[in-house]
Each structure stands twice: as structure tokens, then as C-alpha cells.
Amino acid sequence: KSAAMDDEASGVTVAAAASAAPATTSTNSISQRGNTLSSLAWHATLPTPLLSSSKTIPPQTTTATKTTVTTPSKEPTKASAPEQALNLSEFATQGELEALGMERLKSALLALGCKCGGSLEERAKRLFSLKGLKREEYPKKVRGKNFVV
């Protein structure tokens, strides 16, 4: 046991013993085939991929995918109504504006350059607050980012 431990401690003897066993097996299998090449010479004649791995990995195929990038157009789509201003003098109450619906109020607010988000009630209130005002008199809190006087 102490001799084996000394061999393990040195590392050289252990490595030689470990490499000796496979070489003997390789030499035996080569000699059984009728070759006279040593195991090292036989390995040198093998193609490189066979030395690195015993498994054959099929090449990966990649398929090209077409990515389409669309930019928003300035033309109105079916989802968004064209920006059309309302004649606010025709409406006596905020409730009458609410009856037009969210999309129509949004369109009217955008046409005026005002903020257009929020609930139906908020949009109607914002639009009704502009009744009778000139464009330069619109409060800053209802003006949109691109508001031009």
C-alpha cells in the first residue's frame, strides 16, 4: 500500500501507469487487425474530428427568417378615426359629448392638439372645458406635447 501511495504522490508513475493500460489495449486491438503500427502512430493517422470526439454531431442548419419592420404612416387606419374637430357650440353639456364615445372624443382632442387620454368622462370634461376659448387661451394642463399656438 505504501508503494502505491508513493506512486500517487509523485504523479509521474501514476500517469505512466494510467497511460500504459490504454496503450496496451490499443496495441492489442491493432495487432489483432494485422497492423504493425504502434498506438501513437495509429492515432496520428486518424482525421482530427475523430480524435476529438467519438460522437458524430450533425451540422446545424439555420433557416433565415424575414423580419419586417413597419413604420407608422400618417394616413389614418381602420383602428383610428381621422382627427376631426367638433363644433363645441352645438353641445350644451358634458353628457352630450360623452354620448359621442371615446374614439370620437379622442379624435376631436387630437385635432385641437390637446391631450387625448383618460376615461370617457375625463375626455368629455377636457373637451367641454375648451368651449368658447381661443386656441391661445387653452389651459396648459390640457395641451398636448405638440401643441402649437
N, C-alpha and C. Protein backbone atom coordinates (compact mmCIF):
# COMPACT_ATOMS: atom_id res chain seq x y z
N LYS A 1 0.82 -1.19 0.00
CA LYS A 1 0.00 0.00 0.00
C LYS A 1 0.86 1.25 0.00
N SER A 2 1.95 1.26 0.72
CA SER A 2 2.78 2.45 0.80
C SER A 2 3.42 2.74 -0.55
N ALA A 3 3.76 1.72 -1.32
CA ALA A 3 4.35 1.93 -2.64
C ALA A 3 3.33 2.56 -3.57
N ALA A 4 2.07 2.13 -3.47
CA ALA A 4 1.02 2.71 -4.30
C ALA A 4 0.77 4.15 -3.93
N MET A 5 0.85 4.46 -2.63
CA MET A 5 0.65 5.83 -2.18
C MET A 5 1.79 6.71 -2.65
N ASP A 6 3.02 6.16 -2.63
CA ASP A 6 4.15 6.94 -3.12
C ASP A 6 3.99 7.22 -4.60
N ASP A 7 3.47 6.24 -5.34
CA ASP A 7 3.24 6.43 -6.77
C ASP A 7 2.21 7.53 -7.02
N GLU A 8 1.14 7.52 -6.23
CA GLU A 8 0.11 8.53 -6.39
C GLU A 8 0.64 9.91 -6.03
N ALA A 9 1.50 9.99 -5.01
CA ALA A 9 2.04 11.27 -4.58
C ALA A 9 2.97 11.85 -5.65
N SER A 10 3.73 11.01 -6.31
CA SER A 10 4.66 11.54 -7.31
C SER A 10 3.92 11.98 -8.57
N GLY A 11 2.87 11.34 -8.92
CA GLY A 11 2.08 11.73 -10.08
C GLY A 11 2.64 11.20 -11.37
N VAL A 12 3.93 11.09 -11.49
CA VAL A 12 4.55 10.64 -12.72
C VAL A 12 4.30 9.17 -12.93
N THR A 13 4.54 8.39 -11.90
CA THR A 13 4.36 6.96 -12.01
C THR A 13 2.90 6.62 -12.25
N VAL A 14 2.00 7.34 -11.58
CA VAL A 14 0.57 7.09 -11.74
C VAL A 14 0.16 7.41 -13.16
N ALA A 15 0.64 8.53 -13.69
CA ALA A 15 0.29 8.92 -15.05
C ALA A 15 0.82 7.90 -16.04
N ALA A 16 2.01 7.41 -15.82
CA ALA A 16 2.59 6.42 -16.73
C ALA A 16 1.79 5.13 -16.66
N ALA A 17 1.38 4.74 -15.47
CA ALA A 17 0.60 3.52 -15.32
C ALA A 17 -0.75 3.68 -15.97
N ALA A 18 -1.35 4.85 -15.85
CA ALA A 18 -2.66 5.08 -16.43
C ALA A 18 -2.58 5.09 -17.95
N SER A 19 -1.52 5.66 -18.50
CA SER A 19 -1.41 5.70 -19.95
C SER A 19 -0.94 4.38 -20.51
N ALA A 20 -0.32 3.58 -19.68
CA ALA A 20 0.16 2.28 -20.15
C ALA A 20 -0.98 1.34 -20.40
N ALA A 21 -2.02 1.37 -19.59
CA ALA A 21 -3.13 0.43 -19.77
C ALA A 21 -3.87 0.66 -21.07
N PRO A 22 -4.26 1.90 -21.44
CA PRO A 22 -4.93 2.09 -22.71
C PRO A 22 -4.03 1.79 -23.91
N ALA A 23 -2.74 2.08 -23.78
CA ALA A 23 -1.82 1.81 -24.89
C ALA A 23 -1.77 0.32 -25.16
N THR A 24 -1.76 -0.48 -24.10
CA THR A 24 -1.73 -1.93 -24.27
C THR A 24 -3.00 -2.39 -24.96
N THR A 25 -4.14 -1.84 -24.56
CA THR A 25 -5.40 -2.22 -25.17
C THR A 25 -5.42 -1.82 -26.63
N SER A 26 -4.94 -0.60 -26.94
CA SER A 26 -4.91 -0.14 -28.32
C SER A 26 -3.98 -0.99 -29.15
N THR A 27 -2.80 -1.31 -28.59
CA THR A 27 -1.83 -2.11 -29.33
C THR A 27 -2.41 -3.49 -29.60
N ASN A 28 -3.11 -4.06 -28.59
CA ASN A 28 -3.71 -5.37 -28.79
C ASN A 28 -4.76 -5.33 -29.89
N SER A 29 -5.60 -4.30 -29.87
CA SER A 29 -6.65 -4.24 -30.88
C SER A 29 -6.06 -4.00 -32.26
N ILE A 30 -4.95 -3.25 -32.33
CA ILE A 30 -4.31 -3.00 -33.61
C ILE A 30 -3.64 -4.27 -34.11
N SER A 31 -2.97 -4.98 -33.23
CA SER A 31 -2.29 -6.20 -33.65
C SER A 31 -3.29 -7.26 -34.06
N GLN A 32 -4.48 -7.26 -33.48
CA GLN A 32 -5.50 -8.22 -33.87
C GLN A 32 -5.97 -7.95 -35.30
N ARG A 33 -5.89 -6.70 -35.74
CA ARG A 33 -6.30 -6.36 -37.09
C ARG A 33 -5.18 -6.62 -38.10
N GLY A 34 -4.03 -6.91 -37.63
CA GLY A 34 -2.93 -7.21 -38.53
C GLY A 34 -2.05 -6.01 -38.80
N ASN A 35 -2.29 -4.88 -38.10
CA ASN A 35 -1.44 -3.70 -38.28
C ASN A 35 -0.21 -3.83 -37.40
N THR A 36 0.88 -3.25 -37.86
CA THR A 36 2.10 -3.26 -37.06
C THR A 36 2.40 -1.87 -36.51
N LEU A 37 1.48 -0.93 -36.73
CA LEU A 37 1.69 0.43 -36.23
C LEU A 37 1.56 0.47 -34.72
N SER A 38 2.35 1.31 -34.11
CA SER A 38 2.20 1.50 -32.67
C SER A 38 0.95 2.33 -32.42
N SER A 39 0.49 2.36 -31.20
CA SER A 39 -0.74 3.09 -30.90
C SER A 39 -0.59 4.58 -31.17
N LEU A 40 0.58 5.18 -30.92
CA LEU A 40 0.78 6.60 -31.16
C LEU A 40 0.77 6.90 -32.66
N ALA A 41 1.42 6.07 -33.44
CA ALA A 41 1.45 6.30 -34.89
C ALA A 41 0.06 6.11 -35.48
N TRP A 42 -0.68 5.17 -34.96
CA TRP A 42 -2.04 4.92 -35.46
C TRP A 42 -2.94 6.13 -35.20
N HIS A 43 -2.83 6.74 -34.00
CA HIS A 43 -3.62 7.92 -33.67
C HIS A 43 -3.24 9.10 -34.56
N ALA A 44 -1.98 9.20 -34.96
CA ALA A 44 -1.53 10.31 -35.79
C ALA A 44 -2.14 10.22 -37.19
N THR A 45 -2.53 9.03 -37.64
CA THR A 45 -3.09 8.88 -38.98
C THR A 45 -4.58 9.14 -39.03
N LEU A 46 -5.24 9.23 -37.87
CA LEU A 46 -6.67 9.47 -37.84
C LEU A 46 -6.99 10.93 -38.15
N PRO A 47 -8.12 11.21 -38.79
CA PRO A 47 -8.53 12.59 -39.01
C PRO A 47 -8.79 13.28 -37.67
N THR A 48 -8.59 14.57 -37.60
CA THR A 48 -8.71 15.35 -36.36
C THR A 48 -10.08 15.23 -35.72
N PRO A 49 -11.21 15.31 -36.44
CA PRO A 49 -12.51 15.21 -35.75
C PRO A 49 -12.70 13.90 -35.02
N LEU A 50 -12.12 12.81 -35.52
CA LEU A 50 -12.29 11.53 -34.83
C LEU A 50 -11.50 11.49 -33.54
N LEU A 51 -10.41 12.22 -33.46
CA LEU A 51 -9.65 12.26 -32.23
C LEU A 51 -10.35 13.05 -31.14
N SER A 52 -11.05 14.13 -31.51
CA SER A 52 -11.64 14.99 -30.50
C SER A 52 -12.92 14.44 -29.91
N SER A 53 -13.68 13.68 -30.68
CA SER A 53 -14.95 13.18 -30.17
C SER A 53 -15.31 11.89 -30.87
N SER A 54 -15.88 10.98 -30.13
CA SER A 54 -16.31 9.73 -30.75
C SER A 54 -17.73 9.84 -31.29
N LYS A 55 -18.45 10.89 -30.89
CA LYS A 55 -19.82 11.09 -31.35
C LYS A 55 -19.81 11.93 -32.62
N THR A 56 -20.68 11.59 -33.52
CA THR A 56 -20.82 12.39 -34.73
C THR A 56 -21.99 13.34 -34.52
N ILE A 57 -21.72 14.62 -34.61
CA ILE A 57 -22.75 15.64 -34.41
C ILE A 57 -23.13 16.17 -35.77
N PRO A 58 -24.41 16.04 -36.15
CA PRO A 58 -24.81 16.55 -37.46
C PRO A 58 -24.70 18.07 -37.49
N PRO A 59 -24.36 18.60 -38.65
CA PRO A 59 -24.25 20.06 -38.73
C PRO A 59 -25.60 20.70 -38.50
N GLN A 60 -25.58 21.83 -37.82
CA GLN A 60 -26.82 22.53 -37.53
C GLN A 60 -27.23 23.34 -38.73
N THR A 61 -28.48 23.23 -39.08
CA THR A 61 -28.98 24.03 -40.18
C THR A 61 -29.74 25.21 -39.61
N THR A 62 -29.54 26.33 -40.22
CA THR A 62 -30.26 27.51 -39.78
C THR A 62 -31.15 27.98 -40.90
N THR A 63 -32.31 28.41 -40.53
CA THR A 63 -33.23 28.93 -41.53
C THR A 63 -33.30 30.43 -41.38
N ALA A 64 -33.26 31.09 -42.48
CA ALA A 64 -33.32 32.55 -42.44
C ALA A 64 -34.76 32.97 -42.22
N THR A 65 -34.93 33.91 -41.32
CA THR A 65 -36.27 34.43 -41.08
C THR A 65 -36.32 35.86 -41.57
N LYS A 66 -37.40 36.21 -42.16
CA LYS A 66 -37.56 37.55 -42.68
C LYS A 66 -38.25 38.41 -41.64
N THR A 67 -37.59 39.48 -41.26
CA THR A 67 -38.14 40.39 -40.28
C THR A 67 -38.63 41.63 -41.01
N THR A 68 -39.87 41.94 -40.81
CA THR A 68 -40.44 43.11 -41.46
C THR A 68 -40.65 44.19 -40.42
N VAL A 69 -40.11 45.34 -40.69
CA VAL A 69 -40.27 46.47 -39.80
C VAL A 69 -41.18 47.47 -40.49
N THR A 70 -42.25 47.80 -39.81
CA THR A 70 -43.18 48.76 -40.40
C THR A 70 -43.11 50.04 -39.60
N THR A 71 -43.19 51.12 -40.31
CA THR A 71 -43.21 52.42 -39.65
C THR A 71 -44.61 52.96 -39.74
N PRO A 72 -45.05 53.65 -38.70
CA PRO A 72 -46.42 54.17 -38.72
C PRO A 72 -46.57 55.19 -39.84
N SER A 73 -47.67 55.08 -40.55
CA SER A 73 -47.92 56.03 -41.63
C SER A 73 -48.78 57.17 -41.10
N LYS A 74 -48.79 58.24 -41.82
CA LYS A 74 -49.57 59.39 -41.39
C LYS A 74 -51.02 59.27 -41.82
N GLU A 75 -51.29 58.27 -42.64
CA GLU A 75 -52.67 58.05 -43.07
C GLU A 75 -53.42 57.33 -41.96
N PRO A 76 -54.67 57.70 -41.72
CA PRO A 76 -55.44 57.02 -40.68
C PRO A 76 -55.74 55.58 -41.08
N THR A 77 -55.71 54.71 -40.10
CA THR A 77 -56.04 53.31 -40.35
C THR A 77 -57.47 53.06 -39.88
N LYS A 78 -57.92 51.83 -40.09
CA LYS A 78 -59.28 51.49 -39.67
C LYS A 78 -59.44 51.59 -38.15
N ALA A 79 -58.34 51.32 -37.42
CA ALA A 79 -58.41 51.33 -35.96
C ALA A 79 -58.52 52.74 -35.39
N SER A 80 -57.96 53.73 -36.08
CA SER A 80 -58.03 55.09 -35.56
C SER A 80 -58.82 55.97 -36.51
N ALA A 81 -59.71 56.73 -35.96
CA ALA A 81 -60.53 57.63 -36.77
C ALA A 81 -59.71 58.85 -37.15
N PRO A 82 -60.01 59.46 -38.27
CA PRO A 82 -59.27 60.67 -38.64
C PRO A 82 -59.55 61.78 -37.63
N GLU A 83 -58.56 62.62 -37.45
CA GLU A 83 -58.70 63.71 -36.49
C GLU A 83 -59.65 64.75 -37.06
N GLN A 84 -60.79 64.87 -36.40
CA GLN A 84 -61.79 65.84 -36.85
C GLN A 84 -62.23 66.66 -35.66
N ALA A 85 -62.14 67.96 -35.82
CA ALA A 85 -62.55 68.86 -34.75
C ALA A 85 -64.08 68.88 -34.65
N LEU A 86 -64.56 69.17 -33.48
CA LEU A 86 -66.00 69.29 -33.24
C LEU A 86 -66.37 70.76 -33.11
N ASN A 87 -67.57 71.08 -33.49
CA ASN A 87 -68.10 72.41 -33.22
C ASN A 87 -68.70 72.35 -31.82
N LEU A 88 -67.95 72.82 -30.83
CA LEU A 88 -68.35 72.69 -29.44
C LEU A 88 -69.57 73.53 -29.08
N SER A 89 -69.90 74.51 -29.88
CA SER A 89 -71.08 75.35 -29.59
C SER A 89 -72.38 74.56 -29.77
N GLU A 90 -72.33 73.42 -30.43
CA GLU A 90 -73.51 72.57 -30.63
C GLU A 90 -73.85 71.74 -29.39
N PHE A 91 -72.96 71.68 -28.42
CA PHE A 91 -73.13 70.83 -27.24
C PHE A 91 -73.35 71.70 -26.01
N ALA A 92 -74.45 71.42 -25.31
CA ALA A 92 -74.81 72.22 -24.13
C ALA A 92 -74.22 71.65 -22.84
N THR A 93 -73.98 70.32 -22.79
CA THR A 93 -73.48 69.71 -21.56
C THR A 93 -72.35 68.74 -21.87
N GLN A 94 -71.65 68.38 -20.83
CA GLN A 94 -70.57 67.39 -20.94
C GLN A 94 -71.16 66.03 -21.30
N GLY A 95 -72.34 65.73 -20.81
CA GLY A 95 -73.00 64.45 -21.09
C GLY A 95 -73.29 64.26 -22.58
N GLU A 96 -73.60 65.35 -23.28
CA GLU A 96 -73.83 65.25 -24.73
C GLU A 96 -72.55 64.86 -25.46
N LEU A 97 -71.42 65.35 -24.96
CA LEU A 97 -70.14 64.97 -25.56
C LEU A 97 -69.83 63.50 -25.26
N GLU A 98 -70.17 63.04 -24.05
CA GLU A 98 -69.92 61.64 -23.69
C GLU A 98 -70.69 60.69 -24.60
N ALA A 99 -71.84 61.12 -25.09
CA ALA A 99 -72.65 60.27 -25.97
C ALA A 99 -71.94 59.99 -27.29
N LEU A 100 -70.96 60.80 -27.66
CA LEU A 100 -70.22 60.58 -28.91
C LEU A 100 -69.29 59.37 -28.84
N GLY A 101 -68.85 59.01 -27.65
CA GLY A 101 -67.97 57.85 -27.49
C GLY A 101 -66.51 58.26 -27.36
N MET A 102 -65.72 57.33 -26.85
CA MET A 102 -64.31 57.59 -26.55
C MET A 102 -63.50 57.91 -27.80
N GLU A 103 -63.70 57.15 -28.87
CA GLU A 103 -62.89 57.35 -30.08
C GLU A 103 -63.15 58.70 -30.72
N ARG A 104 -64.41 59.10 -30.77
CA ARG A 104 -64.74 60.39 -31.39
C ARG A 104 -64.20 61.54 -30.56
N LEU A 105 -64.25 61.43 -29.24
CA LEU A 105 -63.68 62.47 -28.37
C LEU A 105 -62.16 62.53 -28.52
N LYS A 106 -61.54 61.37 -28.62
CA LYS A 106 -60.10 61.33 -28.82
C LYS A 106 -59.73 62.02 -30.12
N SER A 107 -60.47 61.74 -31.17
CA SER A 107 -60.22 62.36 -32.46
C SER A 107 -60.34 63.87 -32.39
N ALA A 108 -61.37 64.36 -31.71
CA ALA A 108 -61.59 65.80 -31.58
C ALA A 108 -60.48 66.45 -30.77
N LEU A 109 -60.05 65.81 -29.69
CA LEU A 109 -58.97 66.36 -28.87
C LEU A 109 -57.64 66.39 -29.64
N LEU A 110 -57.36 65.34 -30.39
CA LEU A 110 -56.14 65.32 -31.19
C LEU A 110 -56.16 66.42 -32.25
N ALA A 111 -57.31 66.64 -32.86
CA ALA A 111 -57.43 67.68 -33.88
C ALA A 111 -57.16 69.07 -33.30
N LEU A 112 -57.44 69.24 -32.02
CA LEU A 112 -57.20 70.52 -31.36
C LEU A 112 -55.79 70.61 -30.77
N GLY A 113 -55.03 69.50 -30.81
CA GLY A 113 -53.68 69.49 -30.25
C GLY A 113 -53.66 69.30 -28.75
N CYS A 114 -54.73 68.73 -28.20
CA CYS A 114 -54.83 68.55 -26.75
C CYS A 114 -54.55 67.11 -26.35
N LYS A 115 -54.36 66.91 -25.06
CA LYS A 115 -54.19 65.55 -24.53
C LYS A 115 -55.46 64.77 -24.82
N CYS A 116 -55.29 63.49 -25.16
CA CYS A 116 -56.48 62.73 -25.57
C CYS A 116 -56.69 61.46 -24.76
N GLY A 117 -55.94 61.23 -23.70
CA GLY A 117 -56.08 60.02 -22.91
C GLY A 117 -57.13 60.16 -21.83
N GLY A 118 -57.27 59.11 -21.05
CA GLY A 118 -58.20 59.13 -19.93
C GLY A 118 -59.50 58.42 -20.23
N SER A 119 -60.39 58.47 -19.27
CA SER A 119 -61.70 57.82 -19.40
C SER A 119 -62.62 58.67 -20.28
N LEU A 120 -63.77 58.14 -20.59
CA LEU A 120 -64.77 58.86 -21.39
C LEU A 120 -65.15 60.17 -20.72
N GLU A 121 -65.36 60.13 -19.41
CA GLU A 121 -65.76 61.32 -18.66
C GLU A 121 -64.64 62.37 -18.67
N GLU A 122 -63.39 61.92 -18.50
CA GLU A 122 -62.27 62.84 -18.48
C GLU A 122 -62.08 63.52 -19.84
N ARG A 123 -62.23 62.75 -20.90
CA ARG A 123 -62.11 63.32 -22.24
C ARG A 123 -63.20 64.34 -22.51
N ALA A 124 -64.43 63.99 -22.14
CA ALA A 124 -65.56 64.90 -22.36
C ALA A 124 -65.37 66.18 -21.54
N LYS A 125 -64.92 66.04 -20.30
CA LYS A 125 -64.70 67.20 -19.44
C LYS A 125 -63.61 68.10 -20.03
N ARG A 126 -62.52 67.50 -20.51
CA ARG A 126 -61.41 68.25 -21.09
C ARG A 126 -61.87 69.00 -22.34
N LEU A 127 -62.63 68.34 -23.18
CA LEU A 127 -63.11 68.96 -24.42
C LEU A 127 -64.12 70.06 -24.13
N PHE A 128 -65.02 69.79 -23.19
CA PHE A 128 -66.04 70.78 -22.84
C PHE A 128 -65.42 72.03 -22.20
N SER A 129 -64.29 71.84 -21.51
CA SER A 129 -63.62 72.99 -20.88
C SER A 129 -63.04 73.96 -21.91
N LEU A 130 -62.91 73.51 -23.14
CA LEU A 130 -62.36 74.34 -24.21
C LEU A 130 -63.43 75.15 -24.94
N LYS A 131 -64.68 74.90 -24.62
CA LYS A 131 -65.80 75.56 -25.30
C LYS A 131 -65.70 77.08 -25.09
N GLY A 132 -65.74 77.82 -26.20
CA GLY A 132 -65.72 79.27 -26.16
C GLY A 132 -64.33 79.88 -26.02
N LEU A 133 -63.27 79.07 -25.94
CA LEU A 133 -61.92 79.58 -25.80
C LEU A 133 -61.21 79.64 -27.15
N LYS A 134 -60.35 80.64 -27.30
CA LYS A 134 -59.49 80.70 -28.48
C LYS A 134 -58.33 79.75 -28.23
N ARG A 135 -57.67 79.34 -29.29
CA ARG A 135 -56.58 78.36 -29.19
C ARG A 135 -55.48 78.83 -28.22
N GLU A 136 -55.12 80.08 -28.26
CA GLU A 136 -54.06 80.58 -27.37
C GLU A 136 -54.52 80.66 -25.92
N GLU A 137 -55.81 80.53 -25.66
CA GLU A 137 -56.34 80.58 -24.30
C GLU A 137 -56.47 79.19 -23.65
N TYR A 138 -56.17 78.13 -24.40
CA TYR A 138 -56.30 76.77 -23.83
C TYR A 138 -55.38 76.65 -22.62
N PRO A 139 -55.88 76.08 -21.53
CA PRO A 139 -55.04 75.88 -20.34
C PRO A 139 -53.87 74.93 -20.65
N LYS A 140 -52.73 75.16 -20.01
CA LYS A 140 -51.54 74.33 -20.25
C LYS A 140 -51.78 72.87 -19.87
N LYS A 141 -52.62 72.62 -18.90
CA LYS A 141 -52.82 71.24 -18.45
C LYS A 141 -53.62 70.40 -19.44
N VAL A 142 -54.26 71.01 -20.45
CA VAL A 142 -54.98 70.23 -21.46
C VAL A 142 -54.22 70.18 -22.78
N ARG A 143 -53.17 70.97 -22.91
CA ARG A 143 -52.38 70.99 -24.14
C ARG A 143 -51.55 69.72 -24.27
N GLY A 144 -51.46 69.23 -25.51
CA GLY A 144 -50.63 68.06 -25.78
C GLY A 144 -49.18 68.43 -25.96
N LYS A 145 -48.33 67.44 -26.16
CA LYS A 145 -46.89 67.67 -26.32
C LYS A 145 -46.59 68.52 -27.54
N ASN A 146 -47.32 68.33 -28.61
CA ASN A 146 -47.03 69.03 -29.86
C ASN A 146 -48.00 70.19 -30.10
N PHE A 147 -48.49 70.76 -29.06
CA PHE A 147 -49.44 71.85 -29.16
C PHE A 147 -48.74 73.08 -29.73
N VAL A 148 -49.35 73.67 -30.77
CA VAL A 148 -48.82 74.89 -31.38
C VAL A 148 -49.89 75.96 -31.27
N VAL A 149 -49.49 77.13 -30.76
CA VAL A 149 -50.44 78.24 -30.59
C VAL A 149 -50.78 78.85 -31.91
